[in-house]
Amino acid sequence: MKKKSTRPPSRKPRADALRNRERILEIAKEAFTRSGANISLDDVAKQAGVGAGTLYRHFPTRDALLEAVYRTEVAKLAEAERKFAETMPPVEALRAWMLLFVDYIAAKQIIAPALNTLVGGPSKLFESSGAQIKGAIHALVSRAIKSGEIRPDLDPLDLLRALVGVSNVASGPDWAQSARRLVQILILGSRPAS
């Protein structure tokens, strides 16, 4: 005889709960990027317009919030690739995605060191996110190559390496502007020779 489960059936989260979660993640990303990983979770709740209990119900620890912000940023990059590919010409889609990637790097610079302190380390998290990011850039570059707007010998990972390289070497507050200019240079340099 099967033992009857005493757990209530799982249900979809309410719309207001989803909005609260998304608002918390957006405020937390801004706070982590601006002030580092040691932000006050109570301040995040206050800025998001929710009670501390709501924040802790969604994210019981700072580590859980950090990881959720990181996963959300990666998911946005993956979703943006699909959206841009459907709505923009190939090179414009690639350019828009690379500019979004610069914003991702800014958030990751603050979040990644904190993720490194998680028990067991973030290797699985980074492995999964790396695969999503590489898949997105490969799809965008392949589409641009097919259209003839990008050289066929371009390695998509070279574009990522260049942007990540700028963020790693830049110590000034204006590195993001520099990275955005680099996107334009990379796109121009990736065009076929005339």
N, C-alpha and C. Protein backbone atom coordinates (compact mmCIF):
# COMPACT_ATOMS: atom_id res chain seq x y z
N MET A 1 0.85 -1.17 0.00
CA MET A 1 0.00 0.00 0.00
C MET A 1 0.90 1.24 0.00
N LYS A 2 0.58 2.17 -0.91
CA LYS A 2 1.36 3.40 -1.01
C LYS A 2 1.06 4.33 0.14
N LYS A 3 2.12 4.93 0.65
CA LYS A 3 1.95 5.90 1.72
C LYS A 3 1.44 7.21 1.12
N LYS A 4 0.42 7.76 1.69
CA LYS A 4 -0.18 8.99 1.19
C LYS A 4 0.70 10.18 1.59
N SER A 5 0.94 11.06 0.65
CA SER A 5 1.75 12.24 0.93
C SER A 5 0.96 13.23 1.76
N THR A 6 1.62 13.80 2.75
CA THR A 6 0.96 14.79 3.60
C THR A 6 1.24 16.21 3.12
N ARG A 7 2.10 16.33 2.11
CA ARG A 7 2.42 17.64 1.57
C ARG A 7 1.29 18.13 0.68
N PRO A 8 0.98 19.43 0.75
CA PRO A 8 -0.02 19.94 -0.17
C PRO A 8 0.55 19.95 -1.58
N PRO A 9 -0.30 19.83 -2.59
CA PRO A 9 0.21 19.84 -3.95
C PRO A 9 0.89 21.19 -4.23
N SER A 10 1.96 21.15 -5.01
CA SER A 10 2.66 22.40 -5.30
C SER A 10 1.79 23.23 -6.24
N ARG A 11 1.83 24.52 -6.01
CA ARG A 11 1.03 25.40 -6.85
C ARG A 11 1.92 26.49 -7.41
N LYS A 12 1.43 27.09 -8.47
CA LYS A 12 2.18 28.18 -9.07
C LYS A 12 2.22 29.36 -8.10
N PRO A 13 3.36 30.05 -8.05
CA PRO A 13 3.42 31.24 -7.19
C PRO A 13 2.43 32.30 -7.69
N ARG A 14 1.89 33.06 -6.76
CA ARG A 14 0.97 34.14 -7.13
C ARG A 14 1.72 35.20 -7.92
N ALA A 15 0.98 35.95 -8.71
CA ALA A 15 1.58 37.00 -9.54
C ALA A 15 2.29 38.04 -8.69
N ASP A 16 1.71 38.41 -7.55
CA ASP A 16 2.37 39.42 -6.71
C ASP A 16 3.65 38.88 -6.09
N ALA A 17 3.67 37.59 -5.79
CA ALA A 17 4.89 36.97 -5.25
C ALA A 17 5.99 36.97 -6.30
N LEU A 18 5.63 36.70 -7.56
CA LEU A 18 6.63 36.73 -8.64
C LEU A 18 7.15 38.14 -8.85
N ARG A 19 6.25 39.12 -8.81
CA ARG A 19 6.68 40.52 -8.96
C ARG A 19 7.62 40.92 -7.82
N ASN A 20 7.28 40.52 -6.60
CA ASN A 20 8.14 40.83 -5.46
C ASN A 20 9.52 40.22 -5.65
N ARG A 21 9.56 38.96 -6.08
CA ARG A 21 10.83 38.27 -6.28
C ARG A 21 11.68 38.99 -7.34
N GLU A 22 11.04 39.35 -8.46
CA GLU A 22 11.76 40.05 -9.54
C GLU A 22 12.26 41.41 -9.07
N ARG A 23 11.45 42.12 -8.31
CA ARG A 23 11.84 43.43 -7.79
C ARG A 23 13.02 43.29 -6.82
N ILE A 24 12.97 42.31 -5.95
CA ILE A 24 14.07 42.06 -5.01
C ILE A 24 15.36 41.78 -5.79
N LEU A 25 15.27 40.93 -6.81
CA LEU A 25 16.46 40.59 -7.60
C LEU A 25 17.05 41.81 -8.29
N GLU A 26 16.19 42.66 -8.85
CA GLU A 26 16.67 43.86 -9.54
C GLU A 26 17.36 44.82 -8.57
N ILE A 27 16.73 45.06 -7.43
CA ILE A 27 17.31 45.95 -6.41
C ILE A 27 18.61 45.36 -5.88
N ALA A 28 18.64 44.05 -5.64
CA ALA A 28 19.85 43.39 -5.13
C ALA A 28 20.98 43.50 -6.14
N LYS A 29 20.69 43.31 -7.42
CA LYS A 29 21.74 43.44 -8.45
C LYS A 29 22.34 44.84 -8.40
N GLU A 30 21.49 45.86 -8.36
CA GLU A 30 21.99 47.23 -8.29
C GLU A 30 22.82 47.45 -7.03
N ALA A 31 22.35 46.95 -5.92
CA ALA A 31 23.06 47.12 -4.65
C ALA A 31 24.39 46.38 -4.64
N PHE A 32 24.40 45.14 -5.12
CA PHE A 32 25.65 44.38 -5.18
C PHE A 32 26.65 45.08 -6.09
N THR A 33 26.18 45.56 -7.23
CA THR A 33 27.07 46.22 -8.20
C THR A 33 27.61 47.53 -7.63
N ARG A 34 26.77 48.26 -6.94
CA ARG A 34 27.17 49.55 -6.39
C ARG A 34 28.01 49.43 -5.13
N SER A 35 27.62 48.51 -4.23
CA SER A 35 28.23 48.52 -2.89
C SER A 35 28.97 47.24 -2.51
N GLY A 36 28.95 46.23 -3.36
CA GLY A 36 29.64 45.00 -3.02
C GLY A 36 28.70 43.98 -2.41
N ALA A 37 29.28 42.83 -2.09
CA ALA A 37 28.49 41.68 -1.65
C ALA A 37 28.00 41.78 -0.22
N ASN A 38 28.50 42.72 0.56
CA ASN A 38 28.11 42.80 1.96
C ASN A 38 26.98 43.80 2.20
N ILE A 39 26.08 43.90 1.25
CA ILE A 39 24.96 44.82 1.40
C ILE A 39 24.03 44.34 2.51
N SER A 40 23.24 45.25 3.02
CA SER A 40 22.26 44.90 4.04
C SER A 40 21.02 44.34 3.35
N LEU A 41 20.65 43.12 3.72
CA LEU A 41 19.46 42.52 3.12
C LEU A 41 18.21 43.27 3.53
N ASP A 42 18.21 43.83 4.73
CA ASP A 42 17.06 44.63 5.16
C ASP A 42 16.92 45.87 4.28
N ASP A 43 18.06 46.49 3.90
CA ASP A 43 18.01 47.65 2.99
C ASP A 43 17.48 47.24 1.62
N VAL A 44 17.88 46.07 1.15
CA VAL A 44 17.37 45.58 -0.14
C VAL A 44 15.85 45.43 -0.06
N ALA A 45 15.37 44.83 1.01
CA ALA A 45 13.92 44.65 1.18
C ALA A 45 13.21 46.00 1.18
N LYS A 46 13.77 46.93 1.93
CA LYS A 46 13.17 48.27 2.04
C LYS A 46 13.12 48.95 0.67
N GLN A 47 14.25 48.93 -0.07
CA GLN A 47 14.29 49.56 -1.38
C GLN A 47 13.37 48.87 -2.38
N ALA A 48 13.16 47.58 -2.20
CA ALA A 48 12.27 46.83 -3.10
C ALA A 48 10.81 47.02 -2.72
N GLY A 49 10.56 47.66 -1.57
CA GLY A 49 9.19 47.91 -1.14
C GLY A 49 8.50 46.67 -0.59
N VAL A 50 9.30 45.76 -0.01
CA VAL A 50 8.73 44.55 0.60
C VAL A 50 9.27 44.44 2.03
N GLY A 51 8.60 43.63 2.81
CA GLY A 51 9.07 43.40 4.17
C GLY A 51 10.25 42.45 4.17
N ALA A 52 11.02 42.49 5.25
CA ALA A 52 12.18 41.59 5.37
C ALA A 52 11.74 40.13 5.30
N GLY A 53 10.58 39.82 5.86
CA GLY A 53 10.07 38.45 5.82
C GLY A 53 9.85 37.96 4.39
N THR A 54 9.38 38.85 3.53
CA THR A 54 9.17 38.50 2.12
C THR A 54 10.50 38.18 1.46
N LEU A 55 11.50 39.04 1.71
CA LEU A 55 12.82 38.79 1.14
C LEU A 55 13.36 37.44 1.61
N TYR A 56 13.31 37.20 2.93
CA TYR A 56 13.88 35.96 3.47
C TYR A 56 13.08 34.72 3.06
N ARG A 57 11.80 34.89 2.78
CA ARG A 57 11.01 33.75 2.29
C ARG A 57 11.50 33.32 0.91
N HIS A 58 11.85 34.30 0.07
CA HIS A 58 12.36 34.00 -1.26
C HIS A 58 13.84 33.60 -1.23
N PHE A 59 14.60 34.29 -0.38
CA PHE A 59 16.06 34.12 -0.33
C PHE A 59 16.48 34.04 1.13
N PRO A 60 16.55 32.82 1.67
CA PRO A 60 16.80 32.67 3.11
C PRO A 60 18.19 33.13 3.57
N THR A 61 19.14 33.24 2.62
CA THR A 61 20.49 33.69 2.99
C THR A 61 21.02 34.66 1.94
N ARG A 62 22.05 35.39 2.31
CA ARG A 62 22.72 36.29 1.36
C ARG A 62 23.26 35.49 0.18
N ASP A 63 23.81 34.30 0.46
CA ASP A 63 24.34 33.46 -0.61
C ASP A 63 23.24 33.06 -1.59
N ALA A 64 22.07 32.75 -1.07
CA ALA A 64 20.95 32.38 -1.95
C ALA A 64 20.56 33.56 -2.83
N LEU A 65 20.59 34.77 -2.28
CA LEU A 65 20.27 35.96 -3.06
C LEU A 65 21.34 36.22 -4.11
N LEU A 66 22.61 36.11 -3.72
CA LEU A 66 23.71 36.29 -4.68
C LEU A 66 23.58 35.32 -5.86
N GLU A 67 23.37 34.07 -5.53
CA GLU A 67 23.26 33.06 -6.58
C GLU A 67 22.06 33.32 -7.48
N ALA A 68 20.94 33.73 -6.89
CA ALA A 68 19.74 34.01 -7.69
C ALA A 68 19.97 35.20 -8.61
N VAL A 69 20.65 36.24 -8.13
CA VAL A 69 20.95 37.40 -8.97
C VAL A 69 21.82 36.96 -10.14
N TYR A 70 22.83 36.16 -9.84
CA TYR A 70 23.74 35.69 -10.88
C TYR A 70 22.99 34.85 -11.93
N ARG A 71 22.19 33.91 -11.48
CA ARG A 71 21.42 33.06 -12.40
C ARG A 71 20.46 33.90 -13.24
N THR A 72 19.85 34.90 -12.63
CA THR A 72 18.92 35.77 -13.35
C THR A 72 19.63 36.54 -14.45
N GLU A 73 20.81 37.04 -14.15
CA GLU A 73 21.57 37.79 -15.16
C GLU A 73 21.94 36.89 -16.35
N VAL A 74 22.34 35.68 -16.07
CA VAL A 74 22.68 34.74 -17.14
C VAL A 74 21.43 34.40 -17.96
N ALA A 75 20.31 34.19 -17.28
CA ALA A 75 19.06 33.90 -17.99
C ALA A 75 18.65 35.06 -18.88
N LYS A 76 18.87 36.29 -18.42
CA LYS A 76 18.56 37.47 -19.24
C LYS A 76 19.41 37.49 -20.51
N LEU A 77 20.68 37.14 -20.37
CA LEU A 77 21.56 37.09 -21.54
C LEU A 77 21.07 36.05 -22.55
N ALA A 78 20.70 34.88 -22.05
CA ALA A 78 20.22 33.81 -22.94
C ALA A 78 18.92 34.23 -23.62
N GLU A 79 18.02 34.82 -22.86
CA GLU A 79 16.73 35.26 -23.43
C GLU A 79 16.95 36.39 -24.42
N ALA A 80 17.86 37.30 -24.12
CA ALA A 80 18.13 38.42 -25.01
C ALA A 80 18.64 37.94 -26.36
N GLU A 81 19.46 36.90 -26.35
CA GLU A 81 19.96 36.36 -27.63
C GLU A 81 18.78 35.96 -28.51
N ARG A 82 17.82 35.26 -27.94
CA ARG A 82 16.66 34.82 -28.73
C ARG A 82 15.83 36.02 -29.21
N LYS A 83 15.59 36.95 -28.29
CA LYS A 83 14.78 38.13 -28.63
C LYS A 83 15.46 38.98 -29.70
N PHE A 84 16.75 39.24 -29.52
CA PHE A 84 17.48 40.06 -30.49
C PHE A 84 17.53 39.38 -31.85
N ALA A 85 17.75 38.07 -31.86
CA ALA A 85 17.82 37.33 -33.13
C ALA A 85 16.49 37.40 -33.88
N GLU A 86 15.38 37.44 -33.15
CA GLU A 86 14.06 37.49 -33.79
C GLU A 86 13.68 38.90 -34.25
N THR A 87 14.24 39.92 -33.63
CA THR A 87 13.75 41.28 -33.88
C THR A 87 14.76 42.22 -34.54
N MET A 88 16.00 41.79 -34.70
CA MET A 88 17.03 42.70 -35.23
C MET A 88 17.81 42.04 -36.35
N PRO A 89 18.40 42.87 -37.23
CA PRO A 89 19.32 42.31 -38.22
C PRO A 89 20.51 41.66 -37.49
N PRO A 90 21.16 40.68 -38.12
CA PRO A 90 22.21 39.90 -37.44
C PRO A 90 23.30 40.71 -36.74
N VAL A 91 23.89 41.68 -37.39
CA VAL A 91 24.98 42.43 -36.76
C VAL A 91 24.44 43.30 -35.62
N GLU A 92 23.28 43.88 -35.80
CA GLU A 92 22.70 44.70 -34.73
C GLU A 92 22.35 43.84 -33.51
N ALA A 93 21.87 42.62 -33.76
CA ALA A 93 21.57 41.69 -32.66
C ALA A 93 22.85 41.36 -31.90
N LEU A 94 23.92 41.09 -32.64
CA LEU A 94 25.21 40.78 -32.02
C LEU A 94 25.71 41.97 -31.20
N ARG A 95 25.63 43.17 -31.76
CA ARG A 95 26.09 44.38 -31.06
C ARG A 95 25.27 44.60 -29.78
N ALA A 96 23.95 44.50 -29.88
CA ALA A 96 23.08 44.72 -28.72
C ALA A 96 23.38 43.70 -27.62
N TRP A 97 23.60 42.45 -28.02
CA TRP A 97 23.89 41.42 -27.03
C TRP A 97 25.23 41.66 -26.35
N MET A 98 26.23 42.07 -27.14
CA MET A 98 27.55 42.34 -26.56
C MET A 98 27.49 43.51 -25.57
N LEU A 99 26.68 44.53 -25.88
CA LEU A 99 26.52 45.64 -24.94
C LEU A 99 25.83 45.17 -23.66
N LEU A 100 24.87 44.29 -23.79
CA LEU A 100 24.23 43.71 -22.61
C LEU A 100 25.23 42.87 -21.82
N PHE A 101 26.13 42.19 -22.52
CA PHE A 101 27.16 41.38 -21.86
C PHE A 101 28.08 42.26 -21.01
N VAL A 102 28.35 43.48 -21.46
CA VAL A 102 29.16 44.42 -20.67
C VAL A 102 28.48 44.68 -19.33
N ASP A 103 27.15 44.87 -19.34
CA ASP A 103 26.43 45.07 -18.08
C ASP A 103 26.51 43.83 -17.20
N TYR A 104 26.44 42.67 -17.82
CA TYR A 104 26.56 41.40 -17.08
C TYR A 104 27.92 41.32 -16.40
N ILE A 105 28.97 41.72 -17.12
CA ILE A 105 30.32 41.68 -16.54
C ILE A 105 30.40 42.59 -15.32
N ALA A 106 29.78 43.77 -15.41
CA ALA A 106 29.82 44.70 -14.28
C ALA A 106 29.22 44.05 -13.04
N ALA A 107 28.08 43.40 -13.20
CA ALA A 107 27.45 42.73 -12.06
C ALA A 107 28.29 41.55 -11.60
N LYS A 108 28.84 40.80 -12.54
CA LYS A 108 29.62 39.61 -12.20
C LYS A 108 30.89 39.97 -11.43
N GLN A 109 31.50 41.10 -11.75
CA GLN A 109 32.72 41.49 -11.04
C GLN A 109 32.50 41.59 -9.54
N ILE A 110 31.33 42.02 -9.15
CA ILE A 110 31.02 42.14 -7.73
C ILE A 110 30.54 40.80 -7.17
N ILE A 111 29.70 40.13 -7.94
CA ILE A 111 29.04 38.93 -7.45
C ILE A 111 29.96 37.70 -7.43
N ALA A 112 30.80 37.54 -8.45
CA ALA A 112 31.62 36.34 -8.58
C ALA A 112 32.52 36.08 -7.37
N PRO A 113 33.25 37.09 -6.85
CA PRO A 113 34.08 36.80 -5.68
C PRO A 113 33.26 36.29 -4.49
N ALA A 114 32.08 36.84 -4.31
CA ALA A 114 31.24 36.38 -3.21
C ALA A 114 30.76 34.95 -3.47
N LEU A 115 30.46 34.64 -4.72
CA LEU A 115 30.02 33.28 -5.05
C LEU A 115 31.14 32.28 -4.79
N ASN A 116 32.37 32.72 -4.92
CA ASN A 116 33.51 31.82 -4.68
C ASN A 116 33.58 31.36 -3.23
N THR A 117 32.92 32.07 -2.34
CA THR A 117 32.96 31.68 -0.93
C THR A 117 31.85 30.69 -0.56
N LEU A 118 30.95 30.42 -1.47
CA LEU A 118 29.87 29.48 -1.17
C LEU A 118 30.43 28.10 -0.86
N VAL A 119 29.78 27.41 0.03
CA VAL A 119 30.20 26.05 0.38
C VAL A 119 30.17 25.20 -0.88
N GLY A 120 31.25 24.50 -1.14
CA GLY A 120 31.30 23.66 -2.33
C GLY A 120 31.73 24.44 -3.57
N GLY A 121 31.82 25.75 -3.46
CA GLY A 121 32.27 26.56 -4.58
C GLY A 121 31.22 26.69 -5.68
N PRO A 122 31.41 27.66 -6.53
CA PRO A 122 30.44 27.95 -7.56
C PRO A 122 30.71 27.26 -8.90
N SER A 123 31.60 26.28 -8.92
CA SER A 123 32.02 25.74 -10.22
C SER A 123 30.85 25.24 -11.06
N LYS A 124 29.89 24.56 -10.47
CA LYS A 124 28.74 24.08 -11.23
C LYS A 124 27.93 25.25 -11.77
N LEU A 125 27.77 26.27 -10.93
CA LEU A 125 27.03 27.45 -11.33
C LEU A 125 27.72 28.15 -12.50
N PHE A 126 29.05 28.36 -12.39
CA PHE A 126 29.79 29.02 -13.45
C PHE A 126 29.82 28.15 -14.71
N GLU A 127 29.93 26.84 -14.53
CA GLU A 127 29.95 25.91 -15.66
C GLU A 127 28.66 26.02 -16.46
N SER A 128 27.55 26.02 -15.76
CA SER A 128 26.24 26.12 -16.40
C SER A 128 26.07 27.46 -17.08
N SER A 129 26.43 28.55 -16.40
CA SER A 129 26.26 29.87 -16.98
C SER A 129 27.20 30.06 -18.17
N GLY A 130 28.41 29.54 -18.07
CA GLY A 130 29.35 29.65 -19.19
C GLY A 130 28.82 28.99 -20.44
N ALA A 131 28.18 27.85 -20.28
CA ALA A 131 27.61 27.14 -21.43
C ALA A 131 26.49 27.96 -22.07
N GLN A 132 25.66 28.60 -21.24
CA GLN A 132 24.57 29.42 -21.79
C GLN A 132 25.11 30.63 -22.55
N ILE A 133 26.12 31.27 -21.98
CA ILE A 133 26.69 32.47 -22.60
C ILE A 133 27.39 32.10 -23.90
N LYS A 134 28.17 31.02 -23.89
CA LYS A 134 28.85 30.59 -25.12
C LYS A 134 27.84 30.20 -26.19
N GLY A 135 26.77 29.54 -25.79
CA GLY A 135 25.73 29.17 -26.76
C GLY A 135 25.10 30.39 -27.40
N ALA A 136 24.86 31.42 -26.60
CA ALA A 136 24.24 32.65 -27.12
C ALA A 136 25.16 33.35 -28.11
N ILE A 137 26.43 33.54 -27.76
CA ILE A 137 27.35 34.24 -28.67
C ILE A 137 27.59 33.43 -29.94
N HIS A 138 27.67 32.11 -29.81
CA HIS A 138 27.84 31.26 -30.99
C HIS A 138 26.66 31.41 -31.94
N ALA A 139 25.45 31.42 -31.40
CA ALA A 139 24.25 31.55 -32.24
C ALA A 139 24.23 32.90 -32.95
N LEU A 140 24.55 33.96 -32.23
CA LEU A 140 24.53 35.30 -32.83
C LEU A 140 25.60 35.46 -33.90
N VAL A 141 26.81 34.98 -33.62
CA VAL A 141 27.90 35.10 -34.60
C VAL A 141 27.59 34.23 -35.83
N SER A 142 27.09 33.03 -35.62
CA SER A 142 26.75 32.16 -36.76
C SER A 142 25.73 32.83 -37.67
N ARG A 143 24.74 33.45 -37.07
CA ARG A 143 23.71 34.14 -37.84
C ARG A 143 24.32 35.31 -38.63
N ALA A 144 25.23 36.06 -37.99
CA ALA A 144 25.87 37.20 -38.66
C ALA A 144 26.81 36.73 -39.78
N ILE A 145 27.47 35.60 -39.57
CA ILE A 145 28.34 35.04 -40.61
C ILE A 145 27.49 34.62 -41.81
N LYS A 146 26.38 33.93 -41.53
CA LYS A 146 25.48 33.49 -42.60
C LYS A 146 24.97 34.66 -43.44
N SER A 147 24.74 35.79 -42.80
CA SER A 147 24.23 36.96 -43.51
C SER A 147 25.31 37.63 -44.34
N GLY A 148 26.58 37.26 -44.11
CA GLY A 148 27.69 37.86 -44.84
C GLY A 148 28.20 39.14 -44.21
N GLU A 149 27.65 39.52 -43.06
CA GLU A 149 28.04 40.78 -42.42
C GLU A 149 29.26 40.64 -41.51
N ILE A 150 29.63 39.39 -41.21
CA ILE A 150 30.78 39.11 -40.35
C ILE A 150 31.67 38.10 -41.06
N ARG A 151 32.98 38.25 -40.88
CA ARG A 151 33.95 37.33 -41.50
C ARG A 151 33.68 35.89 -41.07
N PRO A 152 33.83 34.95 -41.99
CA PRO A 152 33.56 33.55 -41.64
C PRO A 152 34.59 32.93 -40.70
N ASP A 153 35.76 33.55 -40.54
CA ASP A 153 36.79 32.97 -39.68
C ASP A 153 36.73 33.51 -38.24
N LEU A 154 35.70 34.30 -37.93
CA LEU A 154 35.60 34.87 -36.59
C LEU A 154 35.27 33.80 -35.56
N ASP A 155 36.04 33.76 -34.49
CA ASP A 155 35.76 32.86 -33.37
C ASP A 155 34.93 33.64 -32.36
N PRO A 156 33.69 33.22 -32.11
CA PRO A 156 32.82 33.96 -31.18
C PRO A 156 33.45 34.16 -29.80
N LEU A 157 34.22 33.20 -29.36
CA LEU A 157 34.82 33.33 -28.03
C LEU A 157 35.86 34.44 -27.97
N ASP A 158 36.46 34.79 -29.12
CA ASP A 158 37.40 35.91 -29.14
C ASP A 158 36.70 37.21 -28.75
N LEU A 159 35.45 37.37 -29.17
CA LEU A 159 34.69 38.57 -28.80
C LEU A 159 34.49 38.62 -27.29
N LEU A 160 34.11 37.48 -26.70
CA LEU A 160 33.91 37.42 -25.25
C LEU A 160 35.22 37.67 -24.51
N ARG A 161 36.29 37.05 -24.98
CA ARG A 161 37.59 37.22 -24.32
C ARG A 161 38.01 38.69 -24.31
N ALA A 162 37.78 39.38 -25.41
CA ALA A 162 38.16 40.79 -25.49
C ALA A 162 37.38 41.62 -24.47
N LEU A 163 36.08 41.38 -24.36
CA LEU A 163 35.27 42.15 -23.42
C LEU A 163 35.63 41.82 -21.98
N VAL A 164 35.82 40.55 -21.69
CA VAL A 164 36.19 40.15 -20.34
C VAL A 164 37.58 40.69 -20.01
N GLY A 165 38.47 40.68 -20.99
CA GLY A 165 39.82 41.19 -20.79
C GLY A 165 39.81 42.66 -20.40
N VAL A 166 38.99 43.45 -21.05
CA VAL A 166 38.91 44.87 -20.71
C VAL A 166 38.42 45.03 -19.27
N SER A 167 37.46 44.23 -18.87
CA SER A 167 36.94 44.37 -17.51
C SER A 167 37.96 43.93 -16.47
N ASN A 168 38.78 42.96 -16.81
CA ASN A 168 39.78 42.48 -15.85
C ASN A 168 40.96 43.42 -15.69
N VAL A 169 41.29 44.14 -16.76
CA VAL A 169 42.45 45.03 -16.67
C VAL A 169 42.06 46.41 -16.19
N ALA A 170 40.86 46.79 -16.49
CA ALA A 170 40.43 48.14 -16.13
C ALA A 170 40.19 48.24 -14.64
N SER A 171 40.80 49.25 -14.05
CA SER A 171 40.59 49.45 -12.62
C SER A 171 39.77 50.71 -12.37
N GLY A 172 39.62 51.54 -13.40
CA GLY A 172 38.89 52.79 -13.22
C GLY A 172 37.39 52.59 -13.30
N PRO A 173 36.67 53.57 -12.83
CA PRO A 173 35.21 53.48 -12.84
C PRO A 173 34.63 53.57 -14.25
N ASP A 174 35.44 54.00 -15.22
CA ASP A 174 34.92 54.16 -16.58
C ASP A 174 35.21 52.96 -17.48
N TRP A 175 35.58 51.82 -16.89
CA TRP A 175 35.89 50.65 -17.72
C TRP A 175 34.69 50.23 -18.56
N ALA A 176 33.47 50.40 -18.04
CA ALA A 176 32.28 49.97 -18.78
C ALA A 176 32.11 50.80 -20.05
N GLN A 177 32.38 52.10 -19.99
CA GLN A 177 32.31 52.94 -21.19
C GLN A 177 33.37 52.48 -22.20
N SER A 178 34.55 52.16 -21.69
CA SER A 178 35.61 51.65 -22.54
C SER A 178 35.19 50.34 -23.20
N ALA A 179 34.56 49.46 -22.45
CA ALA A 179 34.10 48.18 -22.99
C ALA A 179 33.02 48.40 -24.05
N ARG A 180 32.16 49.39 -23.84
CA ARG A 180 31.12 49.68 -24.85
C ARG A 180 31.76 50.19 -26.14
N ARG A 181 32.79 51.02 -26.01
CA ARG A 181 33.51 51.47 -27.22
C ARG A 181 34.18 50.27 -27.90
N LEU A 182 34.70 49.36 -27.09
CA LEU A 182 35.35 48.18 -27.64
C LEU A 182 34.36 47.33 -28.44
N VAL A 183 33.11 47.27 -28.01
CA VAL A 183 32.10 46.53 -28.77
C VAL A 183 32.03 47.08 -30.19
N GLN A 184 32.01 48.41 -30.32
CA GLN A 184 31.94 49.02 -31.66
C GLN A 184 33.18 48.65 -32.48
N ILE A 185 34.33 48.70 -31.85
CA ILE A 185 35.59 48.37 -32.54
C ILE A 185 35.59 46.91 -32.96
N LEU A 186 35.15 46.03 -32.07
CA LEU A 186 35.11 44.60 -32.39
C LEU A 186 34.16 44.31 -33.55
N ILE A 187 33.02 44.95 -33.56
CA ILE A 187 32.06 44.75 -34.65
C ILE A 187 32.68 45.23 -35.97
N LEU A 188 33.26 46.40 -35.96
CA LEU A 188 33.90 46.92 -37.19
C LEU A 188 35.03 46.01 -37.65
N GLY A 189 35.85 45.53 -36.71
CA GLY A 189 36.96 44.66 -37.06
C GLY A 189 36.53 43.26 -37.50
N SER A 190 35.29 42.91 -37.23
CA SER A 190 34.79 41.59 -37.60
C SER A 190 34.11 41.56 -38.97
N ARG A 191 33.99 42.74 -39.57
CA ARG A 191 33.37 42.82 -40.90
C ARG A 191 34.29 42.17 -41.94
N PRO A 192 33.73 41.63 -43.00
CA PRO A 192 34.57 41.06 -44.06
C PRO A 192 35.42 42.16 -44.72
N ALA A 193 36.60 41.79 -45.17
CA ALA A 193 37.45 42.75 -45.88
C ALA A 193 36.78 43.12 -47.18
N SER A 194 36.83 44.41 -47.53
CA SER A 194 36.17 44.81 -48.78
C SER A 194 37.10 44.78 -49.96
